[in-house]
Amino acid sequence: MRDILPPMRTAEIQRNTLETQIQVRLDLDGSGRATLSTGVGFLDHMLDQIARHGMVDLDVEAKGDLHIDAHHTVEDVGIALGQALAKAFGDKKGLRRYGHAYVPLDEALSRVVIDLSGRPGLTFAVDFSRSTIGDFDVDLVREFFQGLVNHAAITIHIDCLRGDNAHHQAETLFKAFGRALRMAVEADPRAVGTVPSTKGIL
């Protein structure tokens, strides 16, 4: 089935601002390998979940103004990853377009639904059990995904259905996102050469 899609679905993005310098390399048809160095340990852990469960190869190197806080780094990594995804999607011919996943981790359960719609949209229904995970502000999870959807031009519904442990809650979100992404970018053998939209374009 893989041969009905373009041979290379890869992207490399560099994003440099006065606040952050970020490089992202992405292969949608990878093996789940990740090389991550953002300066934010918890973010590296979450990006690893996307790579492993999405079966994408992902390299992210970021240097940001962490002497202030992690906000700019986390948001801008989301933006750069979104840009890389948009580039790697190409014209979206022959792929499934939609993806969904439920992922549990002990007491926590999350659902992520993706539409590679060409329109940015985020619905984020997550009630974290506490405000920080170590020194990581849980508000930054939404900032990450907002930056990603804005620049990947995709629609994502993210719901944490239950959970008492904030680390477990966050981890299920990123694992479910990876799984849903993997489904959405899979080849659809019944849609060879066609864009999965009545508009003819996504």
N, C-alpha and C. Protein backbone atom coordinates (compact mmCIF):
# COMPACT_ATOMS: atom_id res chain seq x y z
N MET A 1 0.82 -1.22 0.00
CA MET A 1 0.00 0.00 0.00
C MET A 1 0.85 1.27 0.00
N ARG A 2 2.06 1.16 0.57
CA ARG A 2 2.88 2.34 0.71
C ARG A 2 3.18 2.99 -0.64
N ASP A 3 3.25 2.16 -1.72
CA ASP A 3 3.68 2.70 -3.00
C ASP A 3 2.60 3.54 -3.70
N ILE A 4 1.42 3.68 -3.11
CA ILE A 4 0.42 4.56 -3.71
C ILE A 4 0.60 6.00 -3.24
N LEU A 5 1.53 6.22 -2.30
CA LEU A 5 1.82 7.56 -1.82
C LEU A 5 3.16 8.03 -2.38
N PRO A 6 3.45 9.33 -2.31
CA PRO A 6 4.76 9.82 -2.78
C PRO A 6 5.90 9.10 -2.07
N PRO A 7 7.04 8.91 -2.75
CA PRO A 7 8.13 8.13 -2.17
C PRO A 7 8.77 8.76 -0.94
N MET A 8 8.74 10.06 -0.84
CA MET A 8 9.37 10.73 0.30
C MET A 8 8.37 11.69 0.93
N ARG A 9 7.98 11.39 2.16
CA ARG A 9 7.09 12.30 2.89
C ARG A 9 7.87 12.82 4.10
N THR A 10 8.83 13.68 3.77
CA THR A 10 9.74 14.20 4.77
C THR A 10 9.71 15.72 4.74
N ALA A 11 10.23 16.31 5.79
CA ALA A 11 10.32 17.77 5.85
C ALA A 11 11.41 18.17 6.82
N GLU A 12 12.00 19.31 6.56
CA GLU A 12 12.96 19.91 7.48
C GLU A 12 12.61 21.39 7.61
N ILE A 13 12.46 21.84 8.83
CA ILE A 13 12.05 23.21 9.11
C ILE A 13 13.04 23.86 10.07
N GLN A 14 13.40 25.09 9.79
CA GLN A 14 14.16 25.90 10.73
C GLN A 14 13.33 27.13 11.07
N ARG A 15 13.18 27.39 12.35
CA ARG A 15 12.43 28.55 12.81
C ARG A 15 13.30 29.31 13.80
N ASN A 16 13.66 30.53 13.42
CA ASN A 16 14.53 31.35 14.25
C ASN A 16 13.85 32.67 14.57
N THR A 17 13.70 32.93 15.86
CA THR A 17 13.15 34.20 16.32
C THR A 17 14.09 34.76 17.39
N LEU A 18 13.75 35.91 17.92
CA LEU A 18 14.54 36.47 19.01
C LEU A 18 14.38 35.67 20.30
N GLU A 19 13.37 34.79 20.34
CA GLU A 19 13.09 34.00 21.54
C GLU A 19 13.55 32.56 21.45
N THR A 20 13.51 31.99 20.23
CA THR A 20 13.85 30.57 20.07
C THR A 20 14.56 30.34 18.73
N GLN A 21 15.36 29.29 18.72
CA GLN A 21 15.97 28.77 17.48
C GLN A 21 15.67 27.29 17.45
N ILE A 22 14.94 26.87 16.43
CA ILE A 22 14.40 25.51 16.39
C ILE A 22 14.66 24.88 15.04
N GLN A 23 15.05 23.61 15.07
CA GLN A 23 15.19 22.81 13.86
C GLN A 23 14.40 21.52 14.04
N VAL A 24 13.56 21.21 13.06
CA VAL A 24 12.74 19.99 13.08
C VAL A 24 12.96 19.22 11.80
N ARG A 25 13.22 17.92 11.94
CA ARG A 25 13.27 17.00 10.80
C ARG A 25 12.26 15.90 11.04
N LEU A 26 11.49 15.58 9.99
CA LEU A 26 10.34 14.68 10.15
C LEU A 26 10.24 13.75 8.96
N ASP A 27 9.95 12.47 9.24
CA ASP A 27 9.67 11.48 8.20
C ASP A 27 8.39 10.76 8.60
N LEU A 28 7.32 10.98 7.85
CA LEU A 28 6.03 10.37 8.18
C LEU A 28 6.05 8.86 8.04
N ASP A 29 7.01 8.33 7.29
CA ASP A 29 7.07 6.89 7.05
C ASP A 29 8.28 6.28 7.75
N GLY A 30 8.52 6.74 8.95
CA GLY A 30 9.67 6.27 9.71
C GLY A 30 9.36 5.04 10.54
N SER A 31 10.20 4.84 11.55
CA SER A 31 10.09 3.66 12.41
C SER A 31 9.85 4.02 13.87
N GLY A 32 9.62 5.31 14.14
CA GLY A 32 9.39 5.75 15.51
C GLY A 32 10.64 6.23 16.22
N ARG A 33 11.70 6.47 15.47
CA ARG A 33 12.95 6.94 16.05
C ARG A 33 12.89 8.42 16.34
N ALA A 34 13.46 8.83 17.46
CA ALA A 34 13.44 10.25 17.82
C ALA A 34 14.77 10.67 18.42
N THR A 35 15.23 11.86 18.02
CA THR A 35 16.38 12.51 18.65
C THR A 35 15.90 13.88 19.08
N LEU A 36 15.85 14.11 20.39
CA LEU A 36 15.15 15.28 20.92
C LEU A 36 16.02 16.03 21.91
N SER A 37 16.10 17.34 21.71
CA SER A 37 16.87 18.18 22.62
C SER A 37 16.25 19.58 22.61
N THR A 38 15.27 19.78 23.47
CA THR A 38 14.58 21.08 23.51
C THR A 38 14.95 21.90 24.73
N GLY A 39 15.64 21.29 25.68
CA GLY A 39 15.92 21.97 26.94
C GLY A 39 14.78 21.84 27.94
N VAL A 40 13.66 21.26 27.51
CA VAL A 40 12.50 21.05 28.38
C VAL A 40 12.28 19.54 28.44
N GLY A 41 12.71 18.93 29.53
CA GLY A 41 12.71 17.47 29.62
C GLY A 41 11.35 16.85 29.41
N PHE A 42 10.31 17.44 29.98
CA PHE A 42 8.99 16.85 29.83
C PHE A 42 8.50 16.95 28.39
N LEU A 43 8.83 18.04 27.70
CA LEU A 43 8.46 18.17 26.29
C LEU A 43 9.16 17.10 25.47
N ASP A 44 10.45 16.86 25.73
CA ASP A 44 11.15 15.79 25.02
C ASP A 44 10.44 14.45 25.22
N HIS A 45 10.02 14.18 26.43
CA HIS A 45 9.31 12.93 26.75
C HIS A 45 8.01 12.83 25.95
N MET A 46 7.29 13.92 25.83
CA MET A 46 6.02 13.91 25.09
C MET A 46 6.24 13.80 23.58
N LEU A 47 7.26 14.47 23.05
CA LEU A 47 7.57 14.35 21.63
C LEU A 47 7.97 12.91 21.28
N ASP A 48 8.64 12.26 22.21
CA ASP A 48 9.01 10.86 22.00
C ASP A 48 7.77 9.99 21.86
N GLN A 49 6.71 10.33 22.59
CA GLN A 49 5.45 9.58 22.47
C GLN A 49 4.87 9.74 21.06
N ILE A 50 4.90 10.96 20.53
CA ILE A 50 4.39 11.19 19.17
C ILE A 50 5.16 10.34 18.17
N ALA A 51 6.49 10.35 18.26
CA ALA A 51 7.31 9.61 17.31
C ALA A 51 7.05 8.12 17.40
N ARG A 52 7.10 7.57 18.61
CA ARG A 52 6.99 6.12 18.78
C ARG A 52 5.61 5.60 18.42
N HIS A 53 4.58 6.31 18.83
CA HIS A 53 3.23 5.82 18.59
C HIS A 53 2.70 6.26 17.22
N GLY A 54 3.27 7.31 16.65
CA GLY A 54 2.91 7.72 15.31
C GLY A 54 3.73 7.04 14.24
N MET A 55 4.77 6.29 14.65
CA MET A 55 5.70 5.65 13.72
C MET A 55 6.26 6.67 12.73
N VAL A 56 6.63 7.83 13.27
CA VAL A 56 7.33 8.84 12.49
C VAL A 56 8.72 9.00 13.07
N ASP A 57 9.68 9.31 12.22
CA ASP A 57 11.01 9.66 12.69
C ASP A 57 11.02 11.16 12.92
N LEU A 58 11.55 11.57 14.07
CA LEU A 58 11.44 12.96 14.48
C LEU A 58 12.72 13.41 15.17
N ASP A 59 13.32 14.45 14.62
CA ASP A 59 14.47 15.10 15.24
C ASP A 59 14.07 16.54 15.56
N VAL A 60 14.23 16.92 16.81
CA VAL A 60 13.93 18.29 17.22
C VAL A 60 15.07 18.82 18.07
N GLU A 61 15.61 19.94 17.65
CA GLU A 61 16.62 20.63 18.44
C GLU A 61 16.14 22.06 18.66
N ALA A 62 16.09 22.48 19.90
CA ALA A 62 15.58 23.82 20.21
C ALA A 62 16.44 24.47 21.28
N LYS A 63 16.63 25.76 21.09
CA LYS A 63 17.26 26.60 22.10
C LYS A 63 16.35 27.80 22.31
N GLY A 64 15.89 27.98 23.54
CA GLY A 64 14.95 29.05 23.81
C GLY A 64 15.29 29.82 25.06
N ASP A 65 14.47 30.81 25.34
CA ASP A 65 14.70 31.69 26.48
C ASP A 65 14.16 31.06 27.77
N LEU A 66 14.75 29.92 28.12
CA LEU A 66 14.29 29.17 29.29
C LEU A 66 14.60 29.89 30.59
N HIS A 67 15.44 30.92 30.55
CA HIS A 67 15.67 31.72 31.76
C HIS A 67 14.41 32.50 32.13
N ILE A 68 13.51 32.68 31.17
CA ILE A 68 12.21 33.31 31.47
C ILE A 68 11.24 32.23 31.92
N ASP A 69 10.87 31.34 30.99
CA ASP A 69 10.12 30.13 31.29
C ASP A 69 10.08 29.31 30.02
N ALA A 70 9.31 28.23 30.03
CA ALA A 70 9.30 27.31 28.89
C ALA A 70 8.27 27.66 27.83
N HIS A 71 7.51 28.72 28.04
CA HIS A 71 6.37 29.01 27.16
C HIS A 71 6.78 29.16 25.70
N HIS A 72 7.73 30.03 25.42
CA HIS A 72 8.09 30.28 24.02
C HIS A 72 8.66 29.03 23.36
N THR A 73 9.46 28.27 24.09
CA THR A 73 10.06 27.07 23.53
C THR A 73 8.99 26.04 23.18
N VAL A 74 8.08 25.77 24.10
CA VAL A 74 7.06 24.76 23.85
C VAL A 74 6.14 25.19 22.71
N GLU A 75 5.68 26.44 22.74
CA GLU A 75 4.79 26.91 21.67
C GLU A 75 5.48 26.88 20.32
N ASP A 76 6.74 27.33 20.27
CA ASP A 76 7.43 27.42 18.98
C ASP A 76 7.82 26.04 18.45
N VAL A 77 8.08 25.07 19.33
CA VAL A 77 8.28 23.71 18.86
C VAL A 77 6.99 23.19 18.23
N GLY A 78 5.85 23.50 18.83
CA GLY A 78 4.57 23.13 18.23
C GLY A 78 4.39 23.75 16.86
N ILE A 79 4.74 25.03 16.75
CA ILE A 79 4.63 25.73 15.46
C ILE A 79 5.52 25.07 14.41
N ALA A 80 6.78 24.83 14.76
CA ALA A 80 7.73 24.25 13.80
C ALA A 80 7.33 22.83 13.41
N LEU A 81 6.83 22.05 14.37
CA LEU A 81 6.36 20.71 14.04
C LEU A 81 5.15 20.78 13.13
N GLY A 82 4.26 21.73 13.37
CA GLY A 82 3.11 21.92 12.48
C GLY A 82 3.55 22.27 11.07
N GLN A 83 4.54 23.14 10.94
CA GLN A 83 5.05 23.50 9.62
C GLN A 83 5.65 22.28 8.92
N ALA A 84 6.37 21.47 9.68
CA ALA A 84 6.97 20.26 9.10
C ALA A 84 5.90 19.28 8.65
N LEU A 85 4.86 19.12 9.45
CA LEU A 85 3.77 18.23 9.06
C LEU A 85 3.10 18.71 7.78
N ALA A 86 2.80 19.99 7.71
CA ALA A 86 2.14 20.54 6.51
C ALA A 86 2.97 20.28 5.26
N LYS A 87 4.27 20.43 5.38
CA LYS A 87 5.15 20.19 4.24
C LYS A 87 5.19 18.72 3.87
N ALA A 88 5.26 17.85 4.89
CA ALA A 88 5.35 16.41 4.63
C ALA A 88 4.06 15.83 4.08
N PHE A 89 2.91 16.42 4.44
CA PHE A 89 1.63 15.93 3.91
C PHE A 89 1.57 16.01 2.39
N GLY A 90 2.23 16.99 1.82
CA GLY A 90 2.15 17.19 0.37
C GLY A 90 0.73 17.54 -0.04
N ASP A 91 0.27 17.00 -1.18
CA ASP A 91 -1.08 17.32 -1.66
C ASP A 91 -2.16 16.44 -1.04
N LYS A 92 -1.75 15.49 -0.20
CA LYS A 92 -2.66 14.60 0.56
C LYS A 92 -3.40 13.59 -0.31
N LYS A 93 -2.97 13.44 -1.54
CA LYS A 93 -3.61 12.43 -2.40
C LYS A 93 -3.33 11.02 -1.87
N GLY A 94 -4.38 10.21 -1.85
CA GLY A 94 -4.23 8.82 -1.52
C GLY A 94 -4.14 8.48 -0.05
N LEU A 95 -4.29 9.48 0.83
CA LEU A 95 -4.23 9.16 2.26
C LEU A 95 -5.63 9.18 2.87
N ARG A 96 -5.72 8.68 4.09
CA ARG A 96 -7.03 8.48 4.70
C ARG A 96 -7.69 9.79 5.16
N ARG A 97 -6.91 10.77 5.53
CA ARG A 97 -7.37 12.08 5.98
C ARG A 97 -7.79 12.08 7.45
N TYR A 98 -8.61 11.15 7.87
CA TYR A 98 -9.13 11.13 9.24
C TYR A 98 -8.39 10.09 10.08
N GLY A 99 -8.23 10.40 11.35
CA GLY A 99 -7.64 9.44 12.27
C GLY A 99 -8.17 9.64 13.67
N HIS A 100 -8.21 8.57 14.44
CA HIS A 100 -8.68 8.69 15.81
C HIS A 100 -7.99 7.65 16.67
N ALA A 101 -7.90 7.91 17.96
CA ALA A 101 -7.31 6.95 18.87
C ALA A 101 -7.79 7.19 20.29
N TYR A 102 -8.03 6.11 21.00
CA TYR A 102 -8.22 6.13 22.45
C TYR A 102 -6.97 5.51 23.06
N VAL A 103 -6.41 6.17 24.05
CA VAL A 103 -5.22 5.62 24.71
C VAL A 103 -5.39 5.70 26.22
N PRO A 104 -5.24 4.56 26.92
CA PRO A 104 -5.26 4.57 28.38
C PRO A 104 -3.83 4.54 28.93
N LEU A 105 -3.67 5.03 30.12
CA LEU A 105 -2.46 4.83 30.92
C LEU A 105 -2.90 4.75 32.37
N ASP A 106 -2.94 3.54 32.88
CA ASP A 106 -3.46 3.30 34.22
C ASP A 106 -4.87 3.90 34.34
N GLU A 107 -5.05 4.87 35.23
CA GLU A 107 -6.40 5.43 35.47
C GLU A 107 -6.81 6.47 34.43
N ALA A 108 -5.88 6.93 33.61
CA ALA A 108 -6.16 8.01 32.65
C ALA A 108 -6.57 7.44 31.29
N LEU A 109 -7.46 8.14 30.62
CA LEU A 109 -7.91 7.74 29.29
C LEU A 109 -8.17 9.00 28.46
N SER A 110 -7.57 9.04 27.27
CA SER A 110 -7.76 10.19 26.39
C SER A 110 -8.13 9.75 24.98
N ARG A 111 -8.81 10.66 24.29
CA ARG A 111 -9.23 10.44 22.89
C ARG A 111 -8.76 11.61 22.05
N VAL A 112 -8.19 11.31 20.91
CA VAL A 112 -7.79 12.34 19.94
C VAL A 112 -8.36 11.97 18.58
N VAL A 113 -9.01 12.94 17.94
CA VAL A 113 -9.56 12.76 16.59
C VAL A 113 -8.97 13.84 15.69
N ILE A 114 -8.45 13.43 14.54
CA ILE A 114 -7.75 14.33 13.62
C ILE A 114 -8.44 14.35 12.26
N ASP A 115 -8.50 15.53 11.68
CA ASP A 115 -8.92 15.72 10.28
C ASP A 115 -7.86 16.57 9.61
N LEU A 116 -7.23 16.03 8.59
CA LEU A 116 -6.25 16.79 7.82
C LEU A 116 -6.99 17.71 6.85
N SER A 117 -7.71 18.63 7.41
CA SER A 117 -8.75 19.38 6.71
C SER A 117 -8.25 20.54 5.88
N GLY A 118 -7.03 21.00 6.14
CA GLY A 118 -6.57 22.25 5.53
C GLY A 118 -7.06 23.47 6.28
N ARG A 119 -7.77 23.25 7.39
CA ARG A 119 -8.29 24.35 8.21
C ARG A 119 -7.84 24.14 9.65
N PRO A 120 -7.18 25.12 10.24
CA PRO A 120 -6.75 24.96 11.63
C PRO A 120 -7.90 25.05 12.60
N GLY A 121 -7.97 24.08 13.51
CA GLY A 121 -9.00 24.10 14.54
C GLY A 121 -8.62 23.19 15.68
N LEU A 122 -8.73 23.69 16.90
CA LEU A 122 -8.41 22.89 18.07
C LEU A 122 -9.56 22.95 19.06
N THR A 123 -10.08 21.79 19.42
CA THR A 123 -11.00 21.67 20.54
C THR A 123 -10.27 20.88 21.62
N PHE A 124 -10.07 21.50 22.77
CA PHE A 124 -9.20 20.95 23.81
C PHE A 124 -9.99 20.88 25.11
N ALA A 125 -10.40 19.68 25.48
CA ALA A 125 -11.20 19.49 26.69
C ALA A 125 -10.41 18.61 27.65
N VAL A 126 -9.55 19.26 28.41
CA VAL A 126 -8.66 18.56 29.34
C VAL A 126 -8.69 19.28 30.67
N ASP A 127 -9.07 18.58 31.71
CA ASP A 127 -9.07 19.13 33.06
C ASP A 127 -7.96 18.45 33.85
N PHE A 128 -6.78 19.05 33.79
CA PHE A 128 -5.64 18.45 34.47
C PHE A 128 -5.86 18.43 35.98
N SER A 129 -5.37 17.39 36.61
CA SER A 129 -5.57 17.22 38.05
C SER A 129 -4.70 18.15 38.88
N ARG A 130 -3.67 18.73 38.27
CA ARG A 130 -2.86 19.74 38.96
C ARG A 130 -2.25 20.66 37.92
N SER A 131 -1.66 21.75 38.37
CA SER A 131 -1.21 22.81 37.46
C SER A 131 0.19 22.60 36.91
N THR A 132 0.97 21.75 37.55
CA THR A 132 2.33 21.50 37.07
C THR A 132 2.64 20.01 37.13
N ILE A 133 3.54 19.61 36.24
CA ILE A 133 4.11 18.26 36.26
C ILE A 133 5.61 18.47 36.44
N GLY A 134 6.09 18.25 37.65
CA GLY A 134 7.44 18.72 37.96
C GLY A 134 7.44 20.23 37.89
N ASP A 135 8.31 20.78 37.04
CA ASP A 135 8.30 22.24 36.83
C ASP A 135 7.66 22.62 35.50
N PHE A 136 6.93 21.68 34.89
CA PHE A 136 6.28 21.94 33.60
C PHE A 136 4.85 22.42 33.84
N ASP A 137 4.52 23.58 33.30
CA ASP A 137 3.19 24.17 33.43
C ASP A 137 2.24 23.46 32.46
N VAL A 138 1.19 22.83 32.97
CA VAL A 138 0.30 22.05 32.10
C VAL A 138 -0.43 22.93 31.09
N ASP A 139 -0.54 24.23 31.31
CA ASP A 139 -1.15 25.11 30.31
C ASP A 139 -0.40 25.06 28.99
N LEU A 140 0.87 24.68 29.04
CA LEU A 140 1.68 24.66 27.82
C LEU A 140 1.31 23.51 26.89
N VAL A 141 0.60 22.51 27.40
CA VAL A 141 0.15 21.43 26.53
C VAL A 141 -0.79 21.99 25.47
N ARG A 142 -1.74 22.80 25.91
CA ARG A 142 -2.65 23.42 24.94
C ARG A 142 -1.89 24.35 24.00
N GLU A 143 -0.95 25.12 24.52
CA GLU A 143 -0.18 26.04 23.67
C GLU A 143 0.57 25.27 22.59
N PHE A 144 1.13 24.12 22.94
CA PHE A 144 1.83 23.29 21.97
C PHE A 144 0.88 22.88 20.85
N PHE A 145 -0.26 22.33 21.21
CA PHE A 145 -1.19 21.85 20.18
C PHE A 145 -1.81 22.98 19.39
N GLN A 146 -2.01 24.14 20.02
CA GLN A 146 -2.54 25.29 19.27
C GLN A 146 -1.56 25.74 18.20
N GLY A 147 -0.29 25.83 18.57
CA GLY A 147 0.72 26.18 17.57
C GLY A 147 0.79 25.16 16.46
N LEU A 148 0.68 23.88 16.82
CA LEU A 148 0.76 22.82 15.82
C LEU A 148 -0.40 22.89 14.83
N VAL A 149 -1.64 22.99 15.33
CA VAL A 149 -2.78 22.97 14.41
C VAL A 149 -2.81 24.22 13.54
N ASN A 150 -2.40 25.36 14.10
CA ASN A 150 -2.40 26.60 13.32
C ASN A 150 -1.50 26.49 12.10
N HIS A 151 -0.38 25.80 12.24
CA HIS A 151 0.61 25.77 11.16
C HIS A 151 0.58 24.49 10.34
N ALA A 152 -0.02 23.43 10.88
CA ALA A 152 -0.25 22.23 10.06
C ALA A 152 -1.55 22.34 9.29
N ALA A 153 -2.40 23.29 9.67
CA ALA A 153 -3.72 23.47 9.05
C ALA A 153 -4.53 22.18 9.13
N ILE A 154 -4.67 21.68 10.37
CA ILE A 154 -5.46 20.50 10.62
C ILE A 154 -6.43 20.77 11.76
N THR A 155 -7.45 19.94 11.85
CA THR A 155 -8.43 20.02 12.93
C THR A 155 -8.17 18.88 13.91
N ILE A 156 -8.11 19.20 15.20
CA ILE A 156 -7.91 18.17 16.22
C ILE A 156 -8.90 18.39 17.35
N HIS A 157 -9.54 17.31 17.76
CA HIS A 157 -10.35 17.28 18.98
C HIS A 157 -9.59 16.44 20.00
N ILE A 158 -9.27 17.04 21.12
CA ILE A 158 -8.50 16.39 22.17
C ILE A 158 -9.34 16.36 23.44
N ASP A 159 -9.60 15.17 23.94
CA ASP A 159 -10.42 15.01 25.14
C ASP A 159 -9.71 14.06 26.10
N CYS A 160 -9.51 14.50 27.33
CA CYS A 160 -9.10 13.60 28.40
C CYS A 160 -10.39 13.16 29.10
N LEU A 161 -10.73 11.91 28.96
CA LEU A 161 -12.01 11.42 29.44
C LEU A 161 -12.00 11.15 30.94
N ARG A 162 -10.82 10.80 31.48
CA ARG A 162 -10.70 10.63 32.93
C ARG A 162 -9.22 10.58 33.28
N GLY A 163 -8.93 10.81 34.53
CA GLY A 163 -7.55 10.71 34.99
C GLY A 163 -7.34 11.49 36.27
N ASP A 164 -6.51 10.95 37.15
CA ASP A 164 -6.18 11.59 38.42
C ASP A 164 -4.74 12.06 38.47
N ASN A 165 -3.89 11.48 37.64
CA ASN A 165 -2.47 11.79 37.62
C ASN A 165 -2.17 12.64 36.40
N ALA A 166 -1.70 13.87 36.61
CA ALA A 166 -1.50 14.81 35.50
C ALA A 166 -0.48 14.29 34.49
N HIS A 167 0.56 13.62 34.95
CA HIS A 167 1.54 13.06 34.02
C HIS A 167 0.87 12.01 33.13
N HIS A 168 0.08 11.14 33.73
CA HIS A 168 -0.64 10.14 32.94
C HIS A 168 -1.60 10.80 31.95
N GLN A 169 -2.29 11.84 32.40
CA GLN A 169 -3.22 12.55 31.50
C GLN A 169 -2.49 13.10 30.28
N ALA A 170 -1.39 13.80 30.52
CA ALA A 170 -0.64 14.40 29.42
C ALA A 170 -0.09 13.33 28.48
N GLU A 171 0.45 12.28 29.05
CA GLU A 171 1.06 11.25 28.22
C GLU A 171 0.03 10.58 27.32
N THR A 172 -1.18 10.35 27.84
CA THR A 172 -2.21 9.76 26.98
C THR A 172 -2.59 10.68 25.83
N LEU A 173 -2.55 11.99 26.05
CA LEU A 173 -2.86 12.94 24.98
C LEU A 173 -1.87 12.82 23.83
N PHE A 174 -0.58 12.79 24.17
CA PHE A 174 0.45 12.77 23.14
C PHE A 174 0.51 11.41 22.45
N LYS A 175 0.32 10.33 23.21
CA LYS A 175 0.26 9.01 22.59
C LYS A 175 -0.92 8.90 21.64
N ALA A 176 -2.07 9.39 22.08
CA ALA A 176 -3.27 9.31 21.23
C ALA A 176 -3.11 10.18 19.99
N PHE A 177 -2.47 11.35 20.14
CA PHE A 177 -2.21 12.17 18.97
C PHE A 177 -1.34 11.42 17.97
N GLY A 178 -0.26 10.80 18.45
CA GLY A 178 0.59 10.04 17.54
C GLY A 178 -0.15 8.93 16.83
N ARG A 179 -0.98 8.20 17.56
CA ARG A 179 -1.75 7.10 16.97
C ARG A 179 -2.76 7.61 15.95
N ALA A 180 -3.44 8.70 16.27
CA ALA A 180 -4.43 9.26 15.35
C ALA A 180 -3.75 9.81 14.10
N LEU A 181 -2.60 10.45 14.27
CA LEU A 181 -1.84 10.95 13.12
C LEU A 181 -1.42 9.81 12.22
N ARG A 182 -0.94 8.75 12.83
CA ARG A 182 -0.52 7.57 12.05
C ARG A 182 -1.65 7.06 11.18
N MET A 183 -2.87 7.00 11.73
CA MET A 183 -4.01 6.55 10.95
C MET A 183 -4.35 7.52 9.83
N ALA A 184 -4.34 8.82 10.13
CA ALA A 184 -4.76 9.82 9.15
C ALA A 184 -3.85 9.88 7.94
N VAL A 185 -2.55 9.62 8.12
CA VAL A 185 -1.60 9.73 7.00
C VAL A 185 -1.35 8.40 6.31
N GLU A 186 -2.05 7.34 6.74
CA GLU A 186 -1.90 6.05 6.07
C GLU A 186 -2.44 6.09 4.65
N ALA A 187 -1.88 5.24 3.82
CA ALA A 187 -2.38 5.10 2.45
C ALA A 187 -3.75 4.43 2.46
N ASP A 188 -4.66 4.96 1.65
CA ASP A 188 -5.98 4.37 1.46
C ASP A 188 -5.98 3.71 0.08
N PRO A 189 -5.96 2.38 0.01
CA PRO A 189 -5.85 1.69 -1.28
C PRO A 189 -7.04 1.94 -2.20
N ARG A 190 -8.13 2.43 -1.66
CA ARG A 190 -9.31 2.71 -2.50
C ARG A 190 -9.35 4.15 -2.98
N ALA A 191 -8.32 4.93 -2.63
CA ALA A 191 -8.33 6.35 -2.99
C ALA A 191 -7.04 6.75 -3.70
N VAL A 192 -6.50 5.83 -4.50
CA VAL A 192 -5.21 6.09 -5.17
C VAL A 192 -5.32 7.32 -6.07
N GLY A 193 -4.43 8.26 -5.85
CA GLY A 193 -4.35 9.44 -6.71
C GLY A 193 -5.43 10.46 -6.50
N THR A 194 -6.30 10.26 -5.51
CA THR A 194 -7.39 11.20 -5.29
C THR A 194 -7.23 11.90 -3.95
N VAL A 195 -7.76 13.11 -3.87
CA VAL A 195 -7.77 13.86 -2.62
C VAL A 195 -9.07 13.50 -1.90
N PRO A 196 -9.00 13.13 -0.61
CA PRO A 196 -10.22 12.71 0.10
C PRO A 196 -11.09 13.88 0.51
N SER A 197 -11.64 14.57 -0.50
CA SER A 197 -12.52 15.72 -0.25
C SER A 197 -13.37 15.98 -1.48
N THR A 198 -14.63 16.35 -1.28
CA THR A 198 -15.48 16.71 -2.41
C THR A 198 -15.02 18.00 -3.07
N LYS A 199 -14.21 18.79 -2.36
CA LYS A 199 -13.67 20.02 -2.94
C LYS A 199 -12.53 19.75 -3.93
N GLY A 200 -11.92 18.55 -3.81
CA GLY A 200 -10.80 18.23 -4.69
C GLY A 200 -9.49 18.77 -4.20
N ILE A 201 -9.49 19.41 -3.04
CA ILE A 201 -8.27 19.97 -2.48
C ILE A 201 -8.42 20.06 -0.96
N LEU A 202 -7.33 19.88 -0.25
CA LEU A 202 -7.31 20.02 1.21
C LEU A 202 -6.18 20.97 1.59
